[in-house]
C-alpha atoms as a PDB file:
ATOM      1  CA  MET A   1      29.567  44.928 -35.854  1.00  0.00           C
ATOM      2  CA  ARG A   2      32.333  46.621 -34.005  1.00  0.00           C
ATOM      3  CA  ARG A   3      30.372  46.549 -30.746  1.00  0.00           C
ATOM      4  CA  SER A   4      29.670  42.845 -31.192  1.00  0.00           C
ATOM      5  CA  ALA A   5      33.322  42.116 -31.859  1.00  0.00           C
ATOM      6  CA  SER A   6      34.354  43.998 -28.805  1.00  0.00           C
ATOM      7  CA  LEU A   7      31.808  42.077 -26.732  1.00  0.00           C
ATOM      8  CA  LEU A   8      33.102  38.717 -28.105  1.00  0.00           C
ATOM      9  CA  GLU A   9      36.663  39.812 -27.309  1.00  0.00           C
ATOM     10  CA  ALA A  10      35.639  40.683 -23.826  1.00  0.00           C
ATOM     11  CA  ILE A  11      33.883  37.330 -23.291  1.00  0.00           C
ATOM     12  CA  ASP A  12      36.914  35.473 -24.634  1.00  0.00           C
ATOM     13  CA  GLY A  13      39.181  37.469 -22.275  1.00  0.00           C
ATOM     14  CA  ALA A  14      36.989  36.651 -19.301  1.00  0.00           C
ATOM     15  CA  LEU A  15      36.841  32.947 -20.197  1.00  0.00           C
ATOM     16  CA  SER A  16      40.653  32.791 -20.438  1.00  0.00           C
ATOM     17  CA  ALA A  17      41.037  34.492 -17.053  1.00  0.00           C
ATOM     18  CA  ILE A  18      38.702  32.198 -15.074  1.00  0.00           C
ATOM     19  CA  VAL A  19      40.282  29.723 -12.636  1.00  0.00           C
ATOM     20  CA  TYR A  20      37.854  26.819 -13.209  1.00  0.00           C
ATOM     21  CA  PRO A  21      36.851  24.268 -10.688  1.00  0.00           C
ATOM     22  CA  ASP A  22      39.022  21.140 -10.627  1.00  0.00           C
ATOM     23  CA  LYS A  23      36.674  18.508 -12.333  1.00  0.00           C
ATOM     24  CA  ASP A  24      38.521  15.408 -11.168  1.00  0.00           C
ATOM     25  CA  LYS A  25      38.718  16.604  -7.603  1.00  0.00           C
ATOM     26  CA  LEU A  26      35.010  17.503  -7.531  1.00  0.00           C
ATOM     27  CA  TRP A  27      33.978  14.112  -9.186  1.00  0.00           C
ATOM     28  CA  LYS A  28      35.864  12.286  -6.356  1.00  0.00           C
ATOM     29  CA  HIS A  29      33.988  14.348  -3.886  1.00  0.00           C
ATOM     30  CA  VAL A  30      30.591  13.701  -5.501  1.00  0.00           C
ATOM     31  CA  GLN A  31      31.158   9.994  -5.565  1.00  0.00           C
ATOM     32  CA  GLN A  32      31.948  10.081  -1.853  1.00  0.00           C
ATOM     33  CA  LEU A  33      28.687  11.999  -1.220  1.00  0.00           C
ATOM     34  CA  GLY A  34      26.674   9.533  -3.354  1.00  0.00           C
ATOM     35  CA  ARG A  35      28.006   6.490  -1.579  1.00  0.00           C
ATOM     36  CA  LYS A  36      27.607   8.085   1.807  1.00  0.00           C
ATOM     37  CA  HIS A  37      23.972   9.171   1.348  1.00  0.00           C
ATOM     38  CA  GLU A  38      22.582   6.228  -0.653  1.00  0.00           C
ATOM     39  CA  ARG A  39      21.946   4.519   2.684  1.00  0.00           C
ATOM     40  CA  LYS A  40      19.137   7.084   3.295  1.00  0.00           C
ATOM     41  CA  PHE A  41      16.987   5.441   0.668  1.00  0.00           C
ATOM     42  CA  GLN A  42      15.347   1.967   1.036  1.00  0.00           C
ATOM     43  CA  ALA A  43      16.279   0.320  -2.250  1.00  0.00           C
ATOM     44  CA  TYR A  44      18.371   2.741  -4.136  1.00  0.00           C
ATOM     45  CA  LYS A  45      21.998   2.853  -5.156  1.00  0.00           C
ATOM     46  CA  PHE A  46      24.169   5.839  -6.227  1.00  0.00           C
ATOM     47  CA  VAL A  47      24.765   5.781  -9.951  1.00  0.00           C
ATOM     48  CA  PRO A  48      27.953   7.481 -11.122  1.00  0.00           C
ATOM     49  CA  ARG A  49      26.629   9.287 -14.134  1.00  0.00           C
ATOM     50  CA  GLY A  50      26.495  12.753 -15.575  1.00  0.00           C
ATOM     51  CA  GLY A  51      28.931  15.256 -17.016  1.00  0.00           C
ATOM     52  CA  LEU A  52      31.410  14.986 -14.144  1.00  0.00           C
ATOM     53  CA  SER A  53      31.814  11.239 -14.729  1.00  0.00           C
ATOM     54  CA  SER A  54      32.431  11.652 -18.472  1.00  0.00           C
ATOM     55  CA  PRO A  55      36.006  11.713 -19.794  1.00  0.00           C
ATOM     56  CA  TYR A  56      34.750  13.732 -22.773  1.00  0.00           C
ATOM     57  CA  VAL A  57      33.598  16.676 -20.585  1.00  0.00           C
ATOM     58  CA  LYS A  58      36.295  19.167 -19.708  1.00  0.00           C
ATOM     59  CA  TYR A  59      34.546  21.814 -17.713  1.00  0.00           C
ATOM     60  CA  VAL A  60      32.357  21.595 -14.587  1.00  0.00           C
ATOM     61  CA  THR A  61      28.838  22.876 -15.203  1.00  0.00           C
ATOM     62  CA  ASP A  62      26.704  21.000 -12.743  1.00  0.00           C
ATOM     63  CA  ILE A  63      26.481  17.885 -10.561  1.00  0.00           C
ATOM     64  CA  ASP A  64      24.326  14.826 -10.719  1.00  0.00           C
ATOM     65  CA  LEU A  65      23.555  12.861  -7.569  1.00  0.00           C
ATOM     66  CA  ILE A  66      21.461  10.069  -9.054  1.00  0.00           C
ATOM     67  CA  PHE A  67      20.038   7.223  -6.975  1.00  0.00           C
ATOM     68  CA  ASN A  68      18.529   4.390  -8.910  1.00  0.00           C
ATOM     69  CA  THR A  69      16.549   1.262  -8.056  1.00  0.00           C
ATOM     70  CA  SER A  70      16.143  -1.448 -10.700  1.00  0.00           C
ATOM     71  CA  GLN A  71      12.655  -2.105  -9.543  1.00  0.00           C
ATOM     72  CA  HIS A  72       9.963  -0.861 -11.896  1.00  0.00           C
ATOM     73  CA  ALA A  73       8.085   0.727  -8.970  1.00  0.00           C
ATOM     74  CA  ARG A  74       7.015   4.178  -7.796  1.00  0.00           C
ATOM     75  CA  VAL A  75       8.880   6.581  -5.598  1.00  0.00           C
ATOM     76  CA  LEU A  76       7.645   6.238  -1.990  1.00  0.00           C
ATOM     77  CA  LEU A  77       6.860   9.371  -0.009  1.00  0.00           C
ATOM     78  CA  ALA A  78       9.393   8.270   2.602  1.00  0.00           C
ATOM     79  CA  ASP A  79      12.169   8.249   0.023  1.00  0.00           C
ATOM     80  CA  PHE A  80      11.051  11.615  -1.453  1.00  0.00           C
ATOM     81  CA  ASP A  81      11.150  13.067   2.052  1.00  0.00           C
ATOM     82  CA  SER A  82      14.746  11.775   2.414  1.00  0.00           C
ATOM     83  CA  LEU A  83      15.651  13.319  -0.900  1.00  0.00           C
ATOM     84  CA  HIS A  84      14.241  16.664   0.013  1.00  0.00           C
ATOM     85  CA  LYS A  85      16.033  16.578   3.336  1.00  0.00           C
ATOM     86  CA  LEU A  86      19.294  15.721   1.633  1.00  0.00           C
ATOM     87  CA  ALA A  87      18.962  18.524  -0.877  1.00  0.00           C
ATOM     88  CA  SER A  88      18.150  20.961   1.886  1.00  0.00           C
ATOM     89  CA  GLN A  89      21.135  19.702   3.928  1.00  0.00           C
ATOM     90  CA  LEU A  90      23.786  19.791   1.226  1.00  0.00           C
ATOM     91  CA  CYS A  91      22.510  23.101  -0.289  1.00  0.00           C
ATOM     92  CA  GLN A  92      22.534  24.707   3.186  1.00  0.00           C
ATOM     93  CA  GLY A  93      18.761  25.234   3.512  1.00  0.00           C
ATOM     94  CA  GLU A  94      15.529  24.832   1.571  1.00  0.00           C
ATOM     95  CA  GLU A  95      15.782  28.347   0.347  1.00  0.00           C
ATOM     96  CA  ASN A  96      18.595  27.204  -1.964  1.00  0.00           C
ATOM     97  CA  ILE A  97      16.440  24.695  -3.761  1.00  0.00           C
ATOM     98  CA  MET A  98      15.657  26.168  -7.169  1.00  0.00           C
ATOM     99  CA  SER A  99      13.396  23.819  -9.078  1.00  0.00           C
ATOM    100  CA  ALA A 100      11.972  20.290  -9.251  1.00  0.00           C
ATOM    101  CA  LYS A 101      10.605  17.748 -11.645  1.00  0.00           C
ATOM    102  CA  VAL A 102       8.296  14.826 -10.983  1.00  0.00           C
ATOM    103  CA  SER A 103       7.569  12.337 -13.783  1.00  0.00           C
ATOM    104  CA  LEU A 104       5.807   9.123 -14.481  1.00  0.00           C
ATOM    105  CA  GLY A 105       7.021   7.537 -17.775  1.00  0.00           C
ATOM    106  CA  GLU A 106       6.866  10.280 -20.430  1.00  0.00           C
ATOM    107  CA  GLU A 107       4.342  12.408 -18.411  1.00  0.00           C
ATOM    108  CA  ASP A 108       5.598  15.383 -16.282  1.00  0.00           C
ATOM    109  CA  LEU A 109       3.533  15.622 -13.109  1.00  0.00           C
ATOM    110  CA  PHE A 110       5.473  18.717 -12.039  1.00  0.00           C
ATOM    111  CA  ASP A 111       8.273  20.608 -13.838  1.00  0.00           C
ATOM    112  CA  ASP A 112       8.748  24.211 -12.411  1.00  0.00           C
ATOM    113  CA  LYS A 113      10.531  26.380  -9.882  1.00  0.00           C
ATOM    114  CA  PHE A 114      10.437  25.266  -6.229  1.00  0.00           C
ATOM    115  CA  GLU A 115       7.826  26.996  -4.140  1.00  0.00           C
ATOM    116  CA  GLY A 116       7.408  24.573  -1.329  1.00  0.00           C
ATOM    117  CA  VAL A 117       7.501  20.866  -0.676  1.00  0.00           C
ATOM    118  CA  GLY A 118       3.714  20.421  -0.392  1.00  0.00           C
ATOM    119  CA  VAL A 119       3.117  20.643  -4.174  1.00  0.00           C
ATOM    120  CA  LEU A 120       5.852  18.119  -4.832  1.00  0.00           C
ATOM    121  CA  MET A 121       4.573  15.650  -2.250  1.00  0.00           C
ATOM    122  CA  ASP A 122       1.109  15.827  -3.965  1.00  0.00           C
ATOM    123  CA  ALA A 123       2.710  15.011  -7.345  1.00  0.00           C
ATOM    124  CA  VAL A 124       4.720  12.137  -5.956  1.00  0.00           C
ATOM    125  CA  SER A 125       1.599  10.691  -4.097  1.00  0.00           C
ATOM    126  CA  ARG A 126      -0.094  10.397  -7.496  1.00  0.00           C
ATOM    127  CA  GLY A 127       2.540   7.942  -8.605  1.00  0.00           C
ATOM    128  CA  ALA A 128       5.993   8.846  -9.958  1.00  0.00           C
ATOM    129  CA  ASP A 129       9.067   6.876 -11.160  1.00  0.00           C
ATOM    130  CA  VAL A 130      11.401   9.904 -11.405  1.00  0.00           C
ATOM    131  CA  VAL A 131      11.913  12.775  -9.008  1.00  0.00           C
ATOM    132  CA  VAL A 132      14.586  15.446  -9.393  1.00  0.00           C
ATOM    133  CA  ILE A 133      15.227  18.274  -6.953  1.00  0.00           C
ATOM    134  CA  THR A 134      17.678  20.976  -8.238  1.00  0.00           C
ATOM    135  CA  GLY A 135      19.595  23.114  -5.688  1.00  0.00           C
ATOM    136  CA  ARG A 136      22.526  25.567  -5.521  1.00  0.00           C
ATOM    137  CA  TYR A 137      25.590  23.996  -3.994  1.00  0.00           C
ATOM    138  CA  VAL A 138      28.705  25.868  -2.865  1.00  0.00           C
ATOM    139  CA  LEU A 139      32.087  24.271  -3.572  1.00  0.00           C
ATOM    140  CA  GLN A 140      35.026  24.498  -1.307  1.00  0.00           C
ATOM    141  CA  ASP A 141      36.735  26.962  -3.747  1.00  0.00           C
ATOM    142  CA  GLY A 142      33.748  29.268  -3.531  1.00  0.00           C
ATOM    143  CA  TRP A 143      32.151  28.446  -6.916  1.00  0.00           C
ATOM    144  CA  ASN A 144      28.361  27.791  -6.972  1.00  0.00           C
ATOM    145  CA  VAL A 145      27.010  24.970  -9.037  1.00  0.00           C
ATOM    146  CA  SER A 146      23.576  23.453  -9.564  1.00  0.00           C
ATOM    147  CA  VAL A 147      22.981  19.889  -8.279  1.00  0.00           C
ATOM    148  CA  ASP A 148      20.390  17.449  -9.555  1.00  0.00           C
ATOM    149  CA  PHE A 149      19.250  15.231  -6.686  1.00  0.00           C
ATOM    150  CA  ALA A 150      17.435  12.425  -8.372  1.00  0.00           C
ATOM    151  CA  LEU A 151      15.468   9.250  -7.568  1.00  0.00           C
ATOM    152  CA  HIS A 152      14.909   6.997 -10.567  1.00  0.00           C
ATOM    153  CA  CYS A 153      12.906   3.751 -10.693  1.00  0.00           C
ATOM    154  CA  GLY A 154      13.604   1.090 -13.297  1.00  0.00           C
ATOM    155  CA  ASP A 155      16.183   1.143 -16.108  1.00  0.00           C
ATOM    156  CA  SER A 156      18.222   4.274 -15.702  1.00  0.00           C
ATOM    157  CA  LYS A 157      19.617   4.128 -19.280  1.00  0.00           C
ATOM    158  CA  MET A 158      17.815   6.147 -22.024  1.00  0.00           C
ATOM    159  CA  SER A 159      16.782   4.235 -25.086  1.00  0.00           C
ATOM    160  CA  LYS A 160      18.088   5.379 -28.462  1.00  0.00           C
ATOM    161  CA  THR A 161      14.628   6.244 -29.597  1.00  0.00           C
ATOM    162  CA  MET A 162      13.986   8.390 -26.556  1.00  0.00           C
ATOM    163  CA  ARG A 163      17.437   9.972 -26.803  1.00  0.00           C
ATOM    164  CA  ILE A 164      16.695  11.118 -30.405  1.00  0.00           C
ATOM    165  CA  ALA A 165      13.323  12.507 -29.348  1.00  0.00           C
ATOM    166  CA  ARG A 166      15.026  14.432 -26.509  1.00  0.00           C
ATOM    167  CA  ILE A 167      17.647  15.803 -28.970  1.00  0.00           C
ATOM    168  CA  CYS A 168      14.814  17.155 -31.162  1.00  0.00           C
ATOM    169  CA  GLU A 169      13.241  18.748 -28.101  1.00  0.00           C
ATOM    170  CA  ASN A 170      16.509  20.321 -26.989  1.00  0.00           C
ATOM    171  CA  ALA A 171      16.988  21.763 -30.515  1.00  0.00           C
ATOM    172  CA  ALA A 172      13.557  23.276 -30.518  1.00  0.00           C
ATOM    173  CA  GLU A 173      14.066  24.754 -27.016  1.00  0.00           C
ATOM    174  CA  GLY A 174      17.499  26.192 -28.040  1.00  0.00           C
ATOM    175  CA  ASN A 175      19.235  24.025 -25.407  1.00  0.00           C
ATOM    176  CA  TYR A 176      22.196  23.217 -27.520  1.00  0.00           C
ATOM    177  CA  ALA A 177      24.566  22.206 -24.788  1.00  0.00           C
ATOM    178  CA  LYS A 178      22.153  19.386 -23.792  1.00  0.00           C
ATOM    179  CA  MET A 179      21.695  18.508 -27.361  1.00  0.00           C
ATOM    180  CA  VAL A 180      25.456  18.158 -27.861  1.00  0.00           C
ATOM    181  CA  GLN A 181      25.651  15.882 -24.814  1.00  0.00           C
ATOM    182  CA  ARG A 182      22.900  13.642 -26.154  1.00  0.00           C
ATOM    183  CA  VAL A 183      24.286  13.548 -29.670  1.00  0.00           C
ATOM    184  CA  ARG A 184      27.742  12.602 -28.309  1.00  0.00           C
ATOM    185  CA  ALA A 185      26.296   9.526 -26.590  1.00  0.00           C
ATOM    186  CA  LEU A 186      25.123   8.127 -30.076  1.00  0.00           C
ATOM    187  CA  LEU A 187      28.555   8.344 -31.588  1.00  0.00           C
ATOM    188  CA  PRO A 188      31.228   5.595 -31.750  1.00  0.00           C
ATOM    189  CA  PRO A 189      34.254   5.937 -29.391  1.00  0.00           C
ATOM    190  CA  LYS A 190      36.501   7.663 -31.881  1.00  0.00           C
ATOM    191  CA  GLY A 191      33.702  10.025 -33.033  1.00  0.00           C
ATOM    192  CA  LYS A 192      32.891  10.887 -29.395  1.00  0.00           C
ATOM    193  CA  GLN A 193      36.498  12.009 -28.742  1.00  0.00           C
ATOM    194  CA  GLN A 194      36.627  14.200 -31.861  1.00  0.00           C
ATOM    195  CA  PHE A 195      33.228  15.594 -31.157  1.00  0.00           C
ATOM    196  CA  ALA A 196      34.035  16.280 -27.548  1.00  0.00           C
ATOM    197  CA  GLU A 197      37.287  18.118 -28.333  1.00  0.00           C
ATOM    198  CA  SER A 198      35.525  20.392 -30.802  1.00  0.00           C
ATOM    199  CA  TRP A 199      32.770  21.184 -28.331  1.00  0.00           C
ATOM    200  CA  ASN A 200      35.103  21.730 -25.375  1.00  0.00           C
ATOM    201  CA  GLN A 201      37.039  24.204 -27.477  1.00  0.00           C
ATOM    202  CA  ALA A 202      33.993  25.997 -28.951  1.00  0.00           C
ATOM    203  CA  GLY A 203      31.421  25.931 -26.112  1.00  0.00           C
ATOM    204  CA  GLY A 204      32.601  24.128 -22.982  1.00  0.00           C
ATOM    205  CA  ALA A 205      33.967  27.200 -21.177  1.00  0.00           C
ATOM    206  CA  LEU A 206      31.137  29.425 -22.443  1.00  0.00           C
ATOM    207  CA  ARG A 207      28.552  26.905 -21.042  1.00  0.00           C
ATOM    208  CA  PHE A 208      30.343  27.147 -17.580  1.00  0.00           C
ATOM    209  CA  LEU A 209      29.846  30.917 -17.761  1.00  0.00           C
ATOM    210  CA  VAL A 210      26.214  30.708 -18.774  1.00  0.00           C
ATOM    211  CA  LYS A 211      25.484  28.260 -16.001  1.00  0.00           C
ATOM    212  CA  GLN A 212      27.143  30.623 -13.511  1.00  0.00           C
ATOM    213  CA  LEU A 213      25.105  33.588 -14.736  1.00  0.00           C
ATOM    214  CA  ALA A 214      21.914  31.556 -14.385  1.00  0.00           C
ATOM    215  CA  LEU A 215      22.737  30.997 -10.705  1.00  0.00           C
ATOM    216  CA  ILE A 216      23.038  34.712  -9.892  1.00  0.00           C
ATOM    217  CA  PRO A 217      19.348  35.200  -8.998  1.00  0.00           C
ATOM    218  CA  PHE A 218      19.642  32.446  -6.365  1.00  0.00           C
ATOM    219  CA  MET A 219      22.797  33.759  -4.708  1.00  0.00           C
ATOM    220  CA  ARG A 220      22.452  35.653  -1.464  1.00  0.00           C
ATOM    221  CA  PRO A 221      24.995  37.714   0.419  1.00  0.00           C
END
């Protein structure tokens, strides 16, 4: 018990000593990137969404660069190639791409660590309406954050039924931070604010630390 208490005190001390990334400054930068690079895709527009865009999120944990087309179509290989090149460019090399996900509706065609573009091209060529490439991005202040580069066809908003199903999945996986994010979206405005304040105080900074630790295997001298 004493050892656990000492560990918690050490973690609390570390969390209070961290100089966290400026969320508002980073969000402006991400919007500039999104609008600048949306021209690389044939029919997609940058969608300002994710934790950085939310007034309820206090700490930076990751970045979402989401490009959406309202057309209920399939991701073209040419657009996928542009997404892969963009991720490689902004993450300073393909070696900094960590994982990827390719989906069609509710079916995942690929969801694993990145081991080369060929496997992803094969999955996309079978027909996909969502492609996500996750890479390690270095901020100007030196912090590393993960970035989801995403192409999304069709309605980019998640239905209530699907959101509840994903909440159950997150709970089963132990991904409580994502579960909190999705629960918050179901609450009325007043409830969202109270819920967010409680989470920011209890887990916001800790989630930042956990996300940083998860990036360590991908950091190189």
